[in-house]
């Protein structure tokens, strides 16, 4: 695609990123999400349209669905089941990965990770358990993430390597937890 770079050029952006630190941050995020799933309907249903179109519960469910899908992509690449042998993120994907943050604004989520209109805590707790299991499965070899060949495309950002996915799971989760914090303090 126009604007894409080679996998080597795309990976250069991530060479200075430490996958162990990214996963340690994910551990903190999963603890925070676990705490949020323990809150009652008053917190779960909190919503501030000036901050987001989604309630706290919808933010949490979306984030957990996303974490599960992203960690599954890392696992699939590790296990030699990439969707494509090569590729690099689109320009916007490279910018988000390099910046380590997603700017605020309204964006469309891929259909697979759109939360239910009225999410329930039990569903999010089940998603959390899947995310924690995938995280635990990936932990032992995460320092080798740069050696895992292949890519799996993000629906909007283009092909991601396993290292890209490790980075993006942290970036995306930070983004949504910041929104949750803003809703809860509004």
N, C-alpha and C. Protein backbone atom coordinates (compact mmCIF):
# COMPACT_ATOMS: atom_id res chain seq x y z
N UNK A 1 0.84 -1.20 0.00
CA UNK A 1 0.00 0.00 0.00
C UNK A 1 0.88 1.25 0.00
N UNK A 2 0.36 2.29 -0.55
CA UNK A 2 1.09 3.55 -0.54
C UNK A 2 1.25 4.01 0.89
N UNK A 3 2.41 4.53 1.22
CA UNK A 3 2.66 5.01 2.56
C UNK A 3 3.19 3.94 3.50
N UNK A 4 3.21 2.68 3.06
CA UNK A 4 3.73 1.62 3.89
C UNK A 4 5.24 1.54 3.72
N UNK A 5 5.91 0.96 4.70
CA UNK A 5 7.34 0.74 4.62
C UNK A 5 7.59 -0.74 4.70
N UNK A 6 8.82 -1.12 4.57
CA UNK A 6 9.15 -2.54 4.71
C UNK A 6 9.04 -2.93 6.17
N UNK A 7 9.00 -4.24 6.42
CA UNK A 7 8.92 -4.73 7.80
C UNK A 7 10.15 -4.28 8.59
N UNK A 8 11.33 -4.29 7.94
CA UNK A 8 12.56 -3.88 8.63
C UNK A 8 12.47 -2.42 9.06
N UNK A 9 11.97 -1.56 8.17
CA UNK A 9 11.84 -0.15 8.52
C UNK A 9 10.81 0.04 9.62
N UNK A 10 9.69 -0.69 9.55
CA UNK A 10 8.66 -0.60 10.57
C UNK A 10 9.15 -1.10 11.91
N UNK A 11 9.97 -2.14 11.91
CA UNK A 11 10.48 -2.69 13.16
C UNK A 11 11.51 -1.76 13.80
N UNK A 12 12.18 -0.96 12.99
CA UNK A 12 13.20 -0.05 13.52
C UNK A 12 12.59 0.88 14.56
N UNK A 13 11.35 1.28 14.39
CA UNK A 13 10.69 2.17 15.34
C UNK A 13 10.59 1.54 16.71
N UNK A 14 10.53 0.21 16.77
CA UNK A 14 10.31 -0.48 18.03
C UNK A 14 11.57 -1.05 18.66
N UNK A 15 12.71 -0.94 18.00
CA UNK A 15 13.91 -1.56 18.52
C UNK A 15 14.24 -1.10 19.94
N UNK A 16 13.96 0.15 20.26
CA UNK A 16 14.31 0.67 21.58
C UNK A 16 13.24 0.35 22.62
N UNK A 17 12.17 -0.30 22.24
CA UNK A 17 11.10 -0.60 23.17
C UNK A 17 11.34 -1.95 23.83
N UNK A 18 11.15 -2.00 25.11
CA UNK A 18 11.43 -3.20 25.89
C UNK A 18 10.14 -4.00 26.09
N UNK A 19 10.04 -5.18 25.48
CA UNK A 19 8.80 -5.95 25.60
C UNK A 19 8.50 -6.37 27.04
N UNK A 20 9.53 -6.57 27.84
CA UNK A 20 9.31 -6.93 29.25
C UNK A 20 8.63 -5.78 29.99
N UNK A 21 9.07 -4.55 29.71
CA UNK A 21 8.46 -3.37 30.34
C UNK A 21 7.03 -3.17 29.84
N UNK A 22 6.81 -3.41 28.54
CA UNK A 22 5.45 -3.27 27.99
C UNK A 22 4.52 -4.27 28.68
N UNK A 23 4.98 -5.50 28.89
CA UNK A 23 4.15 -6.52 29.53
C UNK A 23 3.98 -6.24 31.02
N UNK A 24 5.00 -5.67 31.66
CA UNK A 24 4.85 -5.30 33.07
C UNK A 24 3.78 -4.23 33.22
N UNK A 25 3.76 -3.29 32.28
CA UNK A 25 2.70 -2.26 32.29
C UNK A 25 1.34 -2.91 32.05
N UNK A 26 1.28 -3.90 31.17
CA UNK A 26 0.03 -4.61 30.93
C UNK A 26 -0.44 -5.30 32.22
N UNK A 27 0.47 -5.84 32.99
CA UNK A 27 0.09 -6.45 34.28
C UNK A 27 -0.62 -5.43 35.16
N UNK A 28 -0.07 -4.22 35.24
CA UNK A 28 -0.69 -3.15 36.03
C UNK A 28 -2.08 -2.82 35.48
N UNK A 29 -2.17 -2.75 34.17
CA UNK A 29 -3.45 -2.43 33.54
C UNK A 29 -4.49 -3.52 33.82
N UNK A 30 -4.07 -4.78 33.76
CA UNK A 30 -5.00 -5.88 34.04
C UNK A 30 -5.47 -5.84 35.49
N UNK A 31 -4.59 -5.46 36.40
CA UNK A 31 -5.01 -5.29 37.80
C UNK A 31 -6.06 -4.20 37.92
N UNK A 32 -5.85 -3.12 37.21
CA UNK A 32 -6.81 -2.00 37.24
C UNK A 32 -8.15 -2.44 36.64
N UNK A 33 -8.10 -3.17 35.54
CA UNK A 33 -9.34 -3.66 34.92
C UNK A 33 -10.05 -4.65 35.84
N UNK A 34 -9.27 -5.47 36.54
CA UNK A 34 -9.88 -6.40 37.49
C UNK A 34 -10.60 -5.63 38.60
N UNK A 35 -9.98 -4.58 39.10
CA UNK A 35 -10.63 -3.76 40.12
C UNK A 35 -11.92 -3.14 39.59
N UNK A 36 -11.88 -2.68 38.35
CA UNK A 36 -13.08 -2.08 37.76
C UNK A 36 -14.21 -3.10 37.60
N UNK A 37 -13.87 -4.36 37.29
CA UNK A 37 -14.92 -5.36 37.15
C UNK A 37 -15.54 -5.72 38.49
N UNK A 38 -14.90 -5.30 39.58
CA UNK A 38 -15.45 -5.55 40.91
C UNK A 38 -16.41 -4.47 41.38
N UNK A 39 -16.55 -3.42 40.60
CA UNK A 39 -17.44 -2.33 40.98
C UNK A 39 -18.88 -2.67 40.62
N UNK A 40 -19.79 -2.06 41.31
CA UNK A 40 -21.21 -2.28 41.08
C UNK A 40 -21.75 -1.46 39.93
N UNK A 41 -23.06 -1.57 39.71
CA UNK A 41 -23.71 -0.91 38.58
C UNK A 41 -23.57 0.61 38.59
N UNK A 42 -23.42 1.18 39.78
CA UNK A 42 -23.29 2.64 39.84
C UNK A 42 -22.04 3.10 39.07
N UNK A 43 -20.93 2.42 39.28
CA UNK A 43 -19.70 2.76 38.56
C UNK A 43 -19.76 2.26 37.12
N UNK A 44 -20.21 1.02 36.95
CA UNK A 44 -20.25 0.39 35.63
C UNK A 44 -21.08 1.21 34.65
N UNK A 45 -22.15 1.81 35.13
CA UNK A 45 -23.05 2.56 34.25
C UNK A 45 -22.71 4.04 34.11
N UNK A 46 -21.68 4.50 34.83
CA UNK A 46 -21.33 5.93 34.73
C UNK A 46 -20.96 6.29 33.31
N UNK A 47 -21.42 7.46 32.92
CA UNK A 47 -21.27 7.89 31.54
C UNK A 47 -21.21 9.41 31.52
N UNK A 48 -20.33 9.96 30.74
CA UNK A 48 -20.26 11.40 30.54
C UNK A 48 -20.08 11.65 29.05
N UNK A 49 -21.16 12.05 28.37
CA UNK A 49 -21.08 12.24 26.92
C UNK A 49 -20.03 13.26 26.48
N UNK A 50 -19.66 14.17 27.37
CA UNK A 50 -18.61 15.13 27.03
C UNK A 50 -17.24 14.45 26.95
N UNK A 51 -17.11 13.29 27.59
CA UNK A 51 -15.85 12.55 27.60
C UNK A 51 -15.87 11.46 26.54
N UNK A 52 -16.95 10.67 26.50
CA UNK A 52 -17.03 9.53 25.59
C UNK A 52 -18.49 9.15 25.37
N UNK A 53 -18.75 8.53 24.26
CA UNK A 53 -20.08 8.01 23.98
C UNK A 53 -20.35 6.71 24.73
N UNK A 54 -19.34 6.14 25.37
CA UNK A 54 -19.46 4.87 26.07
C UNK A 54 -19.37 5.07 27.58
N UNK A 55 -20.10 4.24 28.30
CA UNK A 55 -20.04 4.20 29.76
C UNK A 55 -18.74 3.54 30.21
N UNK A 56 -18.50 3.55 31.52
CA UNK A 56 -17.34 2.86 32.08
C UNK A 56 -17.39 1.38 31.70
N UNK A 57 -18.54 0.76 31.86
CA UNK A 57 -18.68 -0.66 31.53
C UNK A 57 -18.37 -0.96 30.07
N UNK A 58 -18.82 -0.10 29.17
CA UNK A 58 -18.53 -0.31 27.75
C UNK A 58 -17.05 -0.11 27.45
N UNK A 59 -16.43 0.87 28.11
CA UNK A 59 -14.98 1.07 27.94
C UNK A 59 -14.22 -0.17 28.39
N UNK A 60 -14.60 -0.71 29.55
CA UNK A 60 -13.91 -1.87 30.10
C UNK A 60 -14.11 -3.09 29.19
N UNK A 61 -15.34 -3.33 28.76
CA UNK A 61 -15.58 -4.50 27.90
C UNK A 61 -14.82 -4.38 26.59
N UNK A 62 -14.85 -3.21 25.97
CA UNK A 62 -14.11 -2.99 24.73
C UNK A 62 -12.61 -3.24 24.94
N UNK A 63 -12.08 -2.70 26.02
CA UNK A 63 -10.66 -2.83 26.29
C UNK A 63 -10.28 -4.29 26.48
N UNK A 64 -11.08 -5.03 27.22
CA UNK A 64 -10.78 -6.45 27.46
C UNK A 64 -10.93 -7.28 26.19
N UNK A 65 -11.96 -7.01 25.39
CA UNK A 65 -12.09 -7.72 24.11
C UNK A 65 -10.85 -7.46 23.25
N UNK A 66 -10.40 -6.22 23.26
CA UNK A 66 -9.23 -5.84 22.46
C UNK A 66 -7.96 -6.52 22.97
N UNK A 67 -7.76 -6.54 24.27
CA UNK A 67 -6.57 -7.18 24.83
C UNK A 67 -6.54 -8.65 24.44
N UNK A 68 -7.67 -9.33 24.56
CA UNK A 68 -7.72 -10.75 24.21
C UNK A 68 -7.34 -10.95 22.74
N UNK A 69 -7.89 -10.16 21.86
CA UNK A 69 -7.60 -10.30 20.43
C UNK A 69 -6.13 -9.97 20.13
N UNK A 70 -5.59 -8.93 20.77
CA UNK A 70 -4.21 -8.54 20.50
C UNK A 70 -3.23 -9.58 21.03
N UNK A 71 -3.46 -10.07 22.23
CA UNK A 71 -2.56 -11.10 22.77
C UNK A 71 -2.68 -12.40 21.99
N UNK A 72 -3.87 -12.71 21.49
CA UNK A 72 -4.04 -13.89 20.64
C UNK A 72 -3.23 -13.72 19.35
N UNK A 73 -3.17 -12.50 18.82
CA UNK A 73 -2.36 -12.25 17.62
C UNK A 73 -0.88 -12.48 17.92
N UNK A 74 -0.41 -12.03 19.08
CA UNK A 74 0.98 -12.26 19.48
C UNK A 74 1.25 -13.76 19.56
N UNK A 75 0.35 -14.48 20.22
CA UNK A 75 0.50 -15.93 20.36
C UNK A 75 0.53 -16.62 18.99
N UNK A 76 -0.38 -16.21 18.10
CA UNK A 76 -0.44 -16.85 16.78
C UNK A 76 0.84 -16.62 15.99
N UNK A 77 1.39 -15.41 16.07
CA UNK A 77 2.65 -15.15 15.38
C UNK A 77 3.76 -15.99 16.01
N UNK A 78 3.81 -16.02 17.34
CA UNK A 78 4.82 -16.84 18.03
C UNK A 78 4.73 -18.30 17.60
N UNK A 79 3.50 -18.79 17.44
CA UNK A 79 3.28 -20.20 17.10
C UNK A 79 3.38 -20.49 15.60
N UNK A 80 3.83 -19.49 14.84
CA UNK A 80 4.03 -19.70 13.40
C UNK A 80 2.75 -19.68 12.59
N UNK A 81 1.74 -18.98 13.07
CA UNK A 81 0.46 -18.89 12.36
C UNK A 81 0.14 -17.44 11.97
N UNK A 82 1.10 -16.75 11.38
CA UNK A 82 0.79 -15.37 10.99
C UNK A 82 -0.15 -15.34 9.79
N UNK A 83 -0.83 -14.24 9.63
CA UNK A 83 -1.72 -14.06 8.49
C UNK A 83 -0.92 -13.78 7.22
N UNK A 84 0.24 -13.16 7.38
CA UNK A 84 1.10 -12.83 6.25
C UNK A 84 2.56 -12.93 6.69
N UNK A 85 3.45 -13.27 5.77
CA UNK A 85 4.85 -13.41 6.15
C UNK A 85 5.53 -12.08 6.44
N UNK A 86 5.01 -11.00 5.89
CA UNK A 86 5.70 -9.72 6.00
C UNK A 86 4.69 -8.59 5.93
N UNK A 87 5.14 -7.41 6.19
CA UNK A 87 4.30 -6.22 6.10
C UNK A 87 4.67 -5.24 7.17
N UNK A 88 4.14 -4.06 7.07
CA UNK A 88 4.43 -3.00 8.01
C UNK A 88 3.17 -2.17 8.22
N UNK A 89 3.03 -1.59 9.40
CA UNK A 89 1.85 -0.77 9.66
C UNK A 89 1.73 0.39 8.68
N UNK A 90 0.50 0.82 8.49
CA UNK A 90 0.26 2.05 7.72
C UNK A 90 0.90 3.22 8.47
N UNK A 91 0.99 4.35 7.83
CA UNK A 91 1.65 5.51 8.43
C UNK A 91 1.05 5.86 9.80
N UNK A 92 -0.26 5.86 9.92
CA UNK A 92 -0.89 6.20 11.20
C UNK A 92 -0.54 5.17 12.27
N UNK A 93 -0.45 3.92 11.89
CA UNK A 93 -0.04 2.88 12.83
C UNK A 93 1.36 3.10 13.34
N UNK A 94 2.28 3.46 12.43
CA UNK A 94 3.66 3.73 12.83
C UNK A 94 3.73 4.92 13.78
N UNK A 95 2.93 5.94 13.49
CA UNK A 95 2.93 7.13 14.35
C UNK A 95 2.43 6.78 15.76
N UNK A 96 1.33 6.02 15.84
CA UNK A 96 0.79 5.64 17.16
C UNK A 96 1.76 4.77 17.94
N UNK A 97 2.39 3.83 17.26
CA UNK A 97 3.35 2.95 17.92
C UNK A 97 4.57 3.75 18.42
N UNK A 98 5.08 4.64 17.59
CA UNK A 98 6.25 5.43 17.96
C UNK A 98 5.93 6.41 19.09
N UNK A 99 4.75 7.03 19.02
CA UNK A 99 4.36 8.00 20.05
C UNK A 99 4.03 7.32 21.36
N UNK A 100 3.55 6.09 21.28
CA UNK A 100 3.19 5.37 22.49
C UNK A 100 1.89 5.85 23.10
N UNK A 101 1.09 6.51 22.30
CA UNK A 101 -0.20 6.99 22.80
C UNK A 101 -1.17 7.19 21.64
N UNK A 102 -2.46 7.16 21.97
CA UNK A 102 -3.52 7.42 21.00
C UNK A 102 -4.15 8.75 21.37
N UNK A 103 -4.22 9.69 20.44
CA UNK A 103 -4.84 10.97 20.77
C UNK A 103 -6.34 10.80 21.01
N UNK A 104 -6.88 11.67 21.81
CA UNK A 104 -8.30 11.61 22.12
C UNK A 104 -9.10 12.08 20.90
N UNK A 105 -10.27 11.53 20.78
CA UNK A 105 -11.17 11.85 19.68
C UNK A 105 -12.10 10.68 19.48
N UNK A 106 -12.96 10.80 18.56
CA UNK A 106 -13.92 9.72 18.30
C UNK A 106 -13.45 8.92 17.10
N UNK A 107 -13.35 7.63 17.32
CA UNK A 107 -12.94 6.74 16.23
C UNK A 107 -13.87 5.53 16.24
N UNK A 108 -13.97 4.88 15.11
CA UNK A 108 -14.77 3.67 15.01
C UNK A 108 -13.93 2.47 15.43
N UNK A 109 -14.50 1.65 16.28
CA UNK A 109 -13.82 0.42 16.68
C UNK A 109 -14.18 -0.69 15.71
N UNK A 110 -13.25 -1.60 15.47
CA UNK A 110 -13.59 -2.77 14.66
C UNK A 110 -14.77 -3.51 15.30
N UNK A 111 -15.66 -4.02 14.47
CA UNK A 111 -16.90 -4.65 14.94
C UNK A 111 -16.64 -5.72 16.00
N UNK A 112 -15.59 -6.48 15.86
CA UNK A 112 -15.31 -7.58 16.79
C UNK A 112 -15.06 -7.12 18.23
N UNK A 113 -14.72 -5.86 18.41
CA UNK A 113 -14.42 -5.38 19.76
C UNK A 113 -15.37 -4.29 20.24
N UNK A 114 -16.46 -4.09 19.51
CA UNK A 114 -17.47 -3.14 19.97
C UNK A 114 -18.19 -3.77 21.17
N UNK A 115 -18.29 -3.03 22.27
CA UNK A 115 -18.94 -3.59 23.45
C UNK A 115 -20.45 -3.65 23.30
N UNK A 116 -21.07 -4.50 24.10
CA UNK A 116 -22.53 -4.57 24.15
C UNK A 116 -23.08 -3.23 24.60
N UNK A 117 -24.32 -2.95 24.21
CA UNK A 117 -24.97 -1.71 24.65
C UNK A 117 -25.08 -1.66 26.17
N UNK A 118 -25.36 -2.81 26.77
CA UNK A 118 -25.47 -2.90 28.23
C UNK A 118 -24.54 -4.02 28.71
N UNK A 119 -23.25 -3.74 28.80
CA UNK A 119 -22.30 -4.79 29.18
C UNK A 119 -22.55 -5.26 30.62
N UNK A 120 -22.28 -6.53 30.84
CA UNK A 120 -22.43 -7.04 32.20
C UNK A 120 -21.06 -7.40 32.76
N UNK A 121 -20.95 -7.32 34.05
CA UNK A 121 -19.68 -7.55 34.73
C UNK A 121 -19.20 -8.97 34.49
N UNK A 122 -20.10 -9.96 34.48
CA UNK A 122 -19.68 -11.36 34.31
C UNK A 122 -18.97 -11.57 32.98
N UNK A 123 -19.45 -10.96 31.92
CA UNK A 123 -18.79 -11.08 30.61
C UNK A 123 -17.39 -10.48 30.68
N UNK A 124 -17.27 -9.33 31.30
CA UNK A 124 -15.95 -8.70 31.40
C UNK A 124 -15.02 -9.50 32.29
N UNK A 125 -15.54 -10.12 33.33
CA UNK A 125 -14.70 -10.95 34.18
C UNK A 125 -14.19 -12.17 33.40
N UNK A 126 -15.02 -12.74 32.55
CA UNK A 126 -14.59 -13.87 31.71
C UNK A 126 -13.53 -13.41 30.71
N UNK A 127 -13.71 -12.24 30.12
CA UNK A 127 -12.71 -11.69 29.20
C UNK A 127 -11.39 -11.42 29.94
N UNK A 128 -11.50 -10.90 31.15
CA UNK A 128 -10.31 -10.64 31.96
C UNK A 128 -9.55 -11.94 32.22
N UNK A 129 -10.26 -13.01 32.53
CA UNK A 129 -9.60 -14.30 32.77
C UNK A 129 -8.87 -14.78 31.51
N UNK A 130 -9.48 -14.59 30.33
CA UNK A 130 -8.81 -14.97 29.08
C UNK A 130 -7.56 -14.12 28.85
N UNK A 131 -7.69 -12.83 29.12
CA UNK A 131 -6.54 -11.93 28.93
C UNK A 131 -5.40 -12.32 29.88
N UNK A 132 -5.72 -12.60 31.12
CA UNK A 132 -4.70 -12.99 32.08
C UNK A 132 -4.03 -14.31 31.68
N UNK A 133 -4.81 -15.25 31.17
CA UNK A 133 -4.25 -16.54 30.75
C UNK A 133 -3.31 -16.36 29.55
N UNK A 134 -3.72 -15.55 28.59
CA UNK A 134 -2.85 -15.28 27.44
C UNK A 134 -1.58 -14.57 27.88
N UNK A 135 -1.71 -13.61 28.76
CA UNK A 135 -0.55 -12.88 29.27
C UNK A 135 0.43 -13.86 29.93
N UNK A 136 -0.09 -14.75 30.77
CA UNK A 136 0.76 -15.73 31.45
C UNK A 136 1.43 -16.68 30.46
N UNK A 137 0.70 -17.06 29.43
CA UNK A 137 1.25 -17.97 28.41
C UNK A 137 2.39 -17.31 27.64
N UNK A 138 2.28 -16.02 27.38
CA UNK A 138 3.27 -15.32 26.57
C UNK A 138 4.50 -14.88 27.37
N UNK A 139 4.35 -14.74 28.67
CA UNK A 139 5.41 -14.17 29.50
C UNK A 139 6.78 -14.84 29.35
N UNK A 140 6.87 -16.17 29.38
CA UNK A 140 8.19 -16.79 29.38
C UNK A 140 9.09 -16.44 28.19
N UNK A 141 8.54 -16.23 27.01
CA UNK A 141 9.38 -15.98 25.84
C UNK A 141 9.28 -14.58 25.29
N UNK A 142 8.70 -13.66 26.05
CA UNK A 142 8.41 -12.33 25.48
C UNK A 142 9.66 -11.58 25.05
N UNK A 143 10.81 -11.86 25.66
CA UNK A 143 12.05 -11.18 25.24
C UNK A 143 12.47 -11.57 23.83
N UNK A 144 11.90 -12.63 23.28
CA UNK A 144 12.23 -13.08 21.93
C UNK A 144 11.24 -12.58 20.89
N UNK A 145 10.34 -11.69 21.29
CA UNK A 145 9.25 -11.25 20.41
C UNK A 145 9.77 -10.71 19.07
N UNK A 146 10.93 -10.08 19.07
CA UNK A 146 11.47 -9.52 17.83
C UNK A 146 11.91 -10.60 16.84
N UNK A 147 12.06 -11.82 17.30
CA UNK A 147 12.50 -12.90 16.41
C UNK A 147 11.32 -13.67 15.80
N UNK A 148 10.11 -13.40 16.25
CA UNK A 148 8.94 -14.12 15.75
C UNK A 148 8.54 -13.54 14.41
N UNK A 149 8.53 -14.38 13.40
CA UNK A 149 8.30 -13.92 12.02
C UNK A 149 6.82 -13.85 11.69
N UNK A 150 6.50 -12.89 10.84
CA UNK A 150 5.15 -12.76 10.31
C UNK A 150 4.39 -11.59 10.90
N UNK A 151 3.23 -11.35 10.32
CA UNK A 151 2.37 -10.26 10.76
C UNK A 151 0.91 -10.72 10.78
N UNK A 152 0.14 -10.01 11.55
CA UNK A 152 -1.32 -10.13 11.54
C UNK A 152 -1.85 -8.71 11.46
N UNK A 153 -2.73 -8.43 10.52
CA UNK A 153 -3.15 -7.04 10.33
C UNK A 153 -4.11 -6.54 11.41
N UNK A 154 -3.90 -5.31 11.81
CA UNK A 154 -4.89 -4.56 12.58
C UNK A 154 -5.91 -4.09 11.54
N UNK A 155 -7.19 -4.14 11.85
CA UNK A 155 -8.20 -3.79 10.84
C UNK A 155 -8.06 -2.38 10.26
N UNK A 156 -7.49 -1.46 11.01
CA UNK A 156 -7.39 -0.09 10.53
C UNK A 156 -5.95 0.40 10.37
N UNK A 157 -5.02 -0.24 11.09
CA UNK A 157 -3.65 0.27 11.13
C UNK A 157 -2.67 -0.53 10.30
N UNK A 158 -3.13 -1.64 9.71
CA UNK A 158 -2.28 -2.43 8.84
C UNK A 158 -1.56 -3.56 9.55
N UNK A 159 -0.61 -4.20 8.83
CA UNK A 159 0.09 -5.37 9.38
C UNK A 159 0.93 -5.02 10.60
N UNK A 160 0.77 -5.82 11.65
CA UNK A 160 1.56 -5.66 12.87
C UNK A 160 2.36 -6.93 13.10
N UNK A 161 3.61 -6.76 13.47
CA UNK A 161 4.41 -7.89 13.95
C UNK A 161 4.00 -8.18 15.39
N UNK A 162 4.54 -9.24 15.96
CA UNK A 162 4.26 -9.54 17.37
C UNK A 162 4.73 -8.39 18.26
N UNK A 163 5.89 -7.81 17.94
CA UNK A 163 6.40 -6.67 18.74
C UNK A 163 5.46 -5.48 18.65
N UNK A 164 4.92 -5.24 17.47
CA UNK A 164 3.95 -4.15 17.32
C UNK A 164 2.73 -4.40 18.20
N UNK A 165 2.23 -5.63 18.18
CA UNK A 165 1.04 -5.97 18.99
C UNK A 165 1.33 -5.80 20.47
N UNK A 166 2.52 -6.21 20.93
CA UNK A 166 2.87 -6.05 22.34
C UNK A 166 2.85 -4.58 22.71
N UNK A 167 3.39 -3.75 21.87
CA UNK A 167 3.38 -2.31 22.12
C UNK A 167 1.96 -1.76 22.08
N UNK A 168 1.20 -2.14 21.06
CA UNK A 168 -0.12 -1.54 20.88
C UNK A 168 -1.11 -1.97 21.96
N UNK A 169 -1.00 -3.16 22.49
CA UNK A 169 -1.91 -3.56 23.56
C UNK A 169 -1.75 -2.63 24.76
N UNK A 170 -0.52 -2.25 25.06
CA UNK A 170 -0.28 -1.31 26.17
C UNK A 170 -0.79 0.09 25.83
N UNK A 171 -0.50 0.56 24.61
CA UNK A 171 -0.92 1.89 24.18
C UNK A 171 -2.44 2.01 24.19
N UNK A 172 -3.11 1.04 23.61
CA UNK A 172 -4.57 1.05 23.51
C UNK A 172 -5.21 0.98 24.89
N UNK A 173 -4.68 0.15 25.77
CA UNK A 173 -5.25 0.01 27.10
C UNK A 173 -5.03 1.28 27.92
N UNK A 174 -3.86 1.89 27.83
CA UNK A 174 -3.63 3.19 28.49
C UNK A 174 -4.68 4.20 28.04
N UNK A 175 -4.95 4.25 26.75
CA UNK A 175 -5.90 5.19 26.18
C UNK A 175 -7.29 5.03 26.83
N UNK A 176 -7.76 3.80 26.89
CA UNK A 176 -9.11 3.58 27.42
C UNK A 176 -9.19 3.71 28.94
N UNK A 177 -8.12 3.35 29.65
CA UNK A 177 -8.14 3.57 31.09
C UNK A 177 -8.11 5.07 31.43
N UNK A 178 -7.46 5.86 30.61
CA UNK A 178 -7.48 7.32 30.81
C UNK A 178 -8.90 7.86 30.61
N UNK A 179 -9.61 7.33 29.64
CA UNK A 179 -11.01 7.75 29.43
C UNK A 179 -11.85 7.36 30.64
N UNK A 180 -11.67 6.13 31.14
CA UNK A 180 -12.40 5.68 32.33
C UNK A 180 -12.12 6.63 33.49
N UNK A 181 -10.86 6.97 33.71
CA UNK A 181 -10.50 7.88 34.79
C UNK A 181 -11.21 9.21 34.64
N UNK A 182 -11.26 9.72 33.42
CA UNK A 182 -11.91 11.02 33.19
C UNK A 182 -13.41 10.93 33.45
N UNK A 183 -14.04 9.84 33.05
CA UNK A 183 -15.47 9.66 33.32
C UNK A 183 -15.71 9.62 34.82
N UNK A 184 -14.88 8.87 35.53
CA UNK A 184 -15.08 8.69 36.98
C UNK A 184 -14.81 9.95 37.77
N UNK A 185 -14.00 10.86 37.23
CA UNK A 185 -13.72 12.11 37.95
C UNK A 185 -14.58 13.27 37.46
N UNK A 186 -15.41 13.04 36.46
CA UNK A 186 -16.25 14.12 35.91
C UNK A 186 -17.38 14.46 36.88
